[in-house]
Amino acid sequence: MNLTTDHAQGVAIIRVQESRLMYPLLSEFASTVTGLISSGEPKLLLDLSTVTYVDSATIGCLMDLYRQATAAGGALKLTGVQKRVETMLTMTGAHNFLEIHADEPSAIKSFGA
């Protein structure tokens, strides 16, 4: 799985550099994000700029990570969401929980950082 993590103003920015985020990549993806949360970094921004496809397992994974981040006193937000991915988030109702931001600076600002 091709992931990079940056930090800006107290927010961990996870850049997913895969065109399709789905099983079997989800295990490594979830482990990376869970690791950040458990190490005291609950403010998470997922940059999905290169992701053009997600499946229902990915939506479930994102919702689980959202719950973990929220329980740790943080938040999980998205940026760079492609139209097809946004459609999946809307169809499943995940967009009601996961904040989607048009760009990284506004997303970081939304954390109150």
C-alpha atoms as a PDB file:
ATOM      1  CA  MET A   1       0.000   0.000   0.000  1.00  0.00           C
ATOM      2  CA  ASN A   2       1.329   3.386  -0.932  1.00  0.00           C
ATOM      3  CA  LEU A   3       0.668   5.816   1.948  1.00  0.00           C
ATOM      4  CA  THR A   4       2.549   8.825   3.229  1.00  0.00           C
ATOM      5  CA  THR A   5       1.917  10.768   6.415  1.00  0.00           C
ATOM      6  CA  ASP A   6       2.639  14.462   6.917  1.00  0.00           C
ATOM      7  CA  HIS A   7       1.833  16.759   9.811  1.00  0.00           C
ATOM      8  CA  ALA A   8       0.533  20.324   9.794  1.00  0.00           C
ATOM      9  CA  GLN A   9      -0.748  22.341  12.763  1.00  0.00           C
ATOM     10  CA  GLY A  10      -1.426  19.283  14.908  1.00  0.00           C
ATOM     11  CA  VAL A  11      -3.198  17.386  12.129  1.00  0.00           C
ATOM     12  CA  ALA A  12      -1.885  14.097  10.695  1.00  0.00           C
ATOM     13  CA  ILE A  13      -2.373  14.127   6.922  1.00  0.00           C
ATOM     14  CA  ILE A  14      -2.520  10.657   5.417  1.00  0.00           C
ATOM     15  CA  ARG A  15      -2.043  10.707   1.651  1.00  0.00           C
ATOM     16  CA  VAL A  16      -3.452   7.613   0.007  1.00  0.00           C
ATOM     17  CA  GLN A  17      -1.584   7.090  -3.246  1.00  0.00           C
ATOM     18  CA  GLU A  18      -3.604   4.262  -4.738  1.00  0.00           C
ATOM     19  CA  SER A  19      -6.256   4.552  -7.435  1.00  0.00           C
ATOM     20  CA  ARG A  20      -8.445   1.865  -5.843  1.00  0.00           C
ATOM     21  CA  LEU A  21      -8.817   1.756  -2.075  1.00  0.00           C
ATOM     22  CA  MET A  22     -10.378  -1.620  -1.315  1.00  0.00           C
ATOM     23  CA  TYR A  23      -9.663  -5.082   0.094  1.00  0.00           C
ATOM     24  CA  PRO A  24      -6.860  -6.320   0.509  1.00  0.00           C
ATOM     25  CA  LEU A  25      -5.294  -2.851   0.958  1.00  0.00           C
ATOM     26  CA  LEU A  26      -7.721  -1.946   3.748  1.00  0.00           C
ATOM     27  CA  SER A  27      -5.888  -3.923   6.420  1.00  0.00           C
ATOM     28  CA  GLU A  28      -2.642  -1.977   6.030  1.00  0.00           C
ATOM     29  CA  PHE A  29      -4.542   1.302   5.599  1.00  0.00           C
ATOM     30  CA  ALA A  30      -6.595   0.746   8.776  1.00  0.00           C
ATOM     31  CA  SER A  31      -3.495  -0.328  10.733  1.00  0.00           C
ATOM     32  CA  THR A  32      -1.666   2.859   9.774  1.00  0.00           C
ATOM     33  CA  VAL A  33      -4.559   5.137  10.753  1.00  0.00           C
ATOM     34  CA  THR A  34      -5.326   3.195  13.963  1.00  0.00           C
ATOM     35  CA  GLY A  35      -1.637   3.442  14.866  1.00  0.00           C
ATOM     36  CA  LEU A  36      -1.774   7.234  14.580  1.00  0.00           C
ATOM     37  CA  ILE A  37      -4.873   7.396  16.776  1.00  0.00           C
ATOM     38  CA  SER A  38      -3.407   5.112  19.446  1.00  0.00           C
ATOM     39  CA  SER A  39      -0.162   7.117  19.489  1.00  0.00           C
ATOM     40  CA  GLY A  40      -2.088  10.263  20.416  1.00  0.00           C
ATOM     41  CA  GLU A  41      -2.823  11.754  16.998  1.00  0.00           C
ATOM     42  CA  PRO A  42      -6.635  11.729  16.728  1.00  0.00           C
ATOM     43  CA  LYS A  43      -6.903  14.689  14.308  1.00  0.00           C
ATOM     44  CA  LEU A  44      -6.720  12.998  10.924  1.00  0.00           C
ATOM     45  CA  LEU A  45      -7.100  14.255   7.387  1.00  0.00           C
ATOM     46  CA  LEU A  46      -7.276  11.687   4.591  1.00  0.00           C
ATOM     47  CA  ASP A  47      -6.135  13.010   1.224  1.00  0.00           C
ATOM     48  CA  LEU A  48      -7.929  10.863  -1.350  1.00  0.00           C
ATOM     49  CA  SER A  49      -6.873  12.880  -4.428  1.00  0.00           C
ATOM     50  CA  THR A  50      -5.602   9.839  -6.324  1.00  0.00           C
ATOM     51  CA  VAL A  51      -8.384   7.460  -5.238  1.00  0.00           C
ATOM     52  CA  THR A  52     -10.944   6.953  -7.997  1.00  0.00           C
ATOM     53  CA  TYR A  53     -12.733   3.897  -6.574  1.00  0.00           C
ATOM     54  CA  VAL A  54     -13.830   2.637  -3.165  1.00  0.00           C
ATOM     55  CA  ASP A  55     -16.076  -0.306  -2.308  1.00  0.00           C
ATOM     56  CA  SER A  56     -18.503  -0.906   0.548  1.00  0.00           C
ATOM     57  CA  ALA A  57     -15.757  -2.452   2.693  1.00  0.00           C
ATOM     58  CA  THR A  58     -13.809   0.797   2.367  1.00  0.00           C
ATOM     59  CA  ILE A  59     -16.844   2.819   3.484  1.00  0.00           C
ATOM     60  CA  GLY A  60     -17.199   0.531   6.526  1.00  0.00           C
ATOM     61  CA  CYS A  61     -13.496   0.937   7.274  1.00  0.00           C
ATOM     62  CA  LEU A  62     -13.727   4.740   7.046  1.00  0.00           C
ATOM     63  CA  MET A  63     -16.706   4.747   9.407  1.00  0.00           C
ATOM     64  CA  ASP A  64     -14.833   2.567  11.914  1.00  0.00           C
ATOM     65  CA  LEU A  65     -11.805   4.877  11.777  1.00  0.00           C
ATOM     66  CA  TYR A  66     -14.140   7.872  12.177  1.00  0.00           C
ATOM     67  CA  ARG A  67     -15.566   6.287  15.361  1.00  0.00           C
ATOM     68  CA  GLN A  68     -12.073   5.581  16.725  1.00  0.00           C
ATOM     69  CA  ALA A  69     -10.856   9.139  16.052  1.00  0.00           C
ATOM     70  CA  THR A  70     -13.982  10.656  17.596  1.00  0.00           C
ATOM     71  CA  ALA A  71     -13.717   8.415  20.682  1.00  0.00           C
ATOM     72  CA  ALA A  72     -10.111   9.609  21.098  1.00  0.00           C
ATOM     73  CA  GLY A  73     -11.264  13.245  21.105  1.00  0.00           C
ATOM     74  CA  GLY A  74     -10.337  13.978  17.510  1.00  0.00           C
ATOM     75  CA  ALA A  75     -11.882  13.783  14.074  1.00  0.00           C
ATOM     76  CA  LEU A  76     -11.433  12.107  10.714  1.00  0.00           C
ATOM     77  CA  LYS A  77     -11.984  14.352   7.691  1.00  0.00           C
ATOM     78  CA  LEU A  78     -11.499  13.940   3.944  1.00  0.00           C
ATOM     79  CA  THR A  79     -10.035  16.079   1.190  1.00  0.00           C
ATOM     80  CA  GLY A  80      -9.399  15.542  -2.502  1.00  0.00           C
ATOM     81  CA  VAL A  81     -12.488  13.364  -2.893  1.00  0.00           C
ATOM     82  CA  GLN A  82     -13.145  12.388  -6.521  1.00  0.00           C
ATOM     83  CA  LYS A  83     -16.735  12.524  -7.843  1.00  0.00           C
ATOM     84  CA  ARG A  84     -17.143   8.736  -8.040  1.00  0.00           C
ATOM     85  CA  VAL A  85     -15.930   8.315  -4.441  1.00  0.00           C
ATOM     86  CA  GLU A  86     -18.184  11.144  -3.273  1.00  0.00           C
ATOM     87  CA  THR A  87     -21.135   9.367  -4.914  1.00  0.00           C
ATOM     88  CA  MET A  88     -20.363   6.206  -2.910  1.00  0.00           C
ATOM     89  CA  LEU A  89     -20.102   8.218   0.316  1.00  0.00           C
ATOM     90  CA  THR A  90     -23.450   9.868  -0.437  1.00  0.00           C
ATOM     91  CA  MET A  91     -25.220   6.641  -1.433  1.00  0.00           C
ATOM     92  CA  THR A  92     -24.181   4.959   1.824  1.00  0.00           C
ATOM     93  CA  GLY A  93     -24.903   7.974   4.031  1.00  0.00           C
ATOM     94  CA  ALA A  94     -21.265   8.182   5.159  1.00  0.00           C
ATOM     95  CA  HIS A  95     -21.154  11.820   4.020  1.00  0.00           C
ATOM     96  CA  ASN A  96     -23.406  12.613   7.000  1.00  0.00           C
ATOM     97  CA  PHE A  97     -20.499  11.748   9.309  1.00  0.00           C
ATOM     98  CA  LEU A  98     -17.342  12.315   7.288  1.00  0.00           C
ATOM     99  CA  GLU A  99     -16.609  15.962   6.553  1.00  0.00           C
ATOM    100  CA  ILE A 100     -15.449  16.469   2.979  1.00  0.00           C
ATOM    101  CA  HIS A 101     -13.317  19.523   2.239  1.00  0.00           C
ATOM    102  CA  ALA A 102     -12.460  20.923  -1.177  1.00  0.00           C
ATOM    103  CA  ASP A 103      -8.805  21.535  -0.340  1.00  0.00           C
ATOM    104  CA  GLU A 104      -6.196  20.762   2.287  1.00  0.00           C
ATOM    105  CA  PRO A 105      -5.796  24.280   3.759  1.00  0.00           C
ATOM    106  CA  SER A 106      -9.522  24.656   4.484  1.00  0.00           C
ATOM    107  CA  ALA A 107      -9.629  21.136   5.903  1.00  0.00           C
ATOM    108  CA  ILE A 108      -6.748  21.845   8.285  1.00  0.00           C
ATOM    109  CA  LYS A 109      -8.367  25.117   9.311  1.00  0.00           C
ATOM    110  CA  SER A 110     -11.610  23.250  10.120  1.00  0.00           C
ATOM    111  CA  PHE A 111      -9.817  21.379  12.920  1.00  0.00           C
ATOM    112  CA  GLY A 112      -9.377  24.719  14.669  1.00  0.00           C
ATOM    113  CA  ALA A 113      -5.624  24.398  14.287  1.00  0.00           C
END
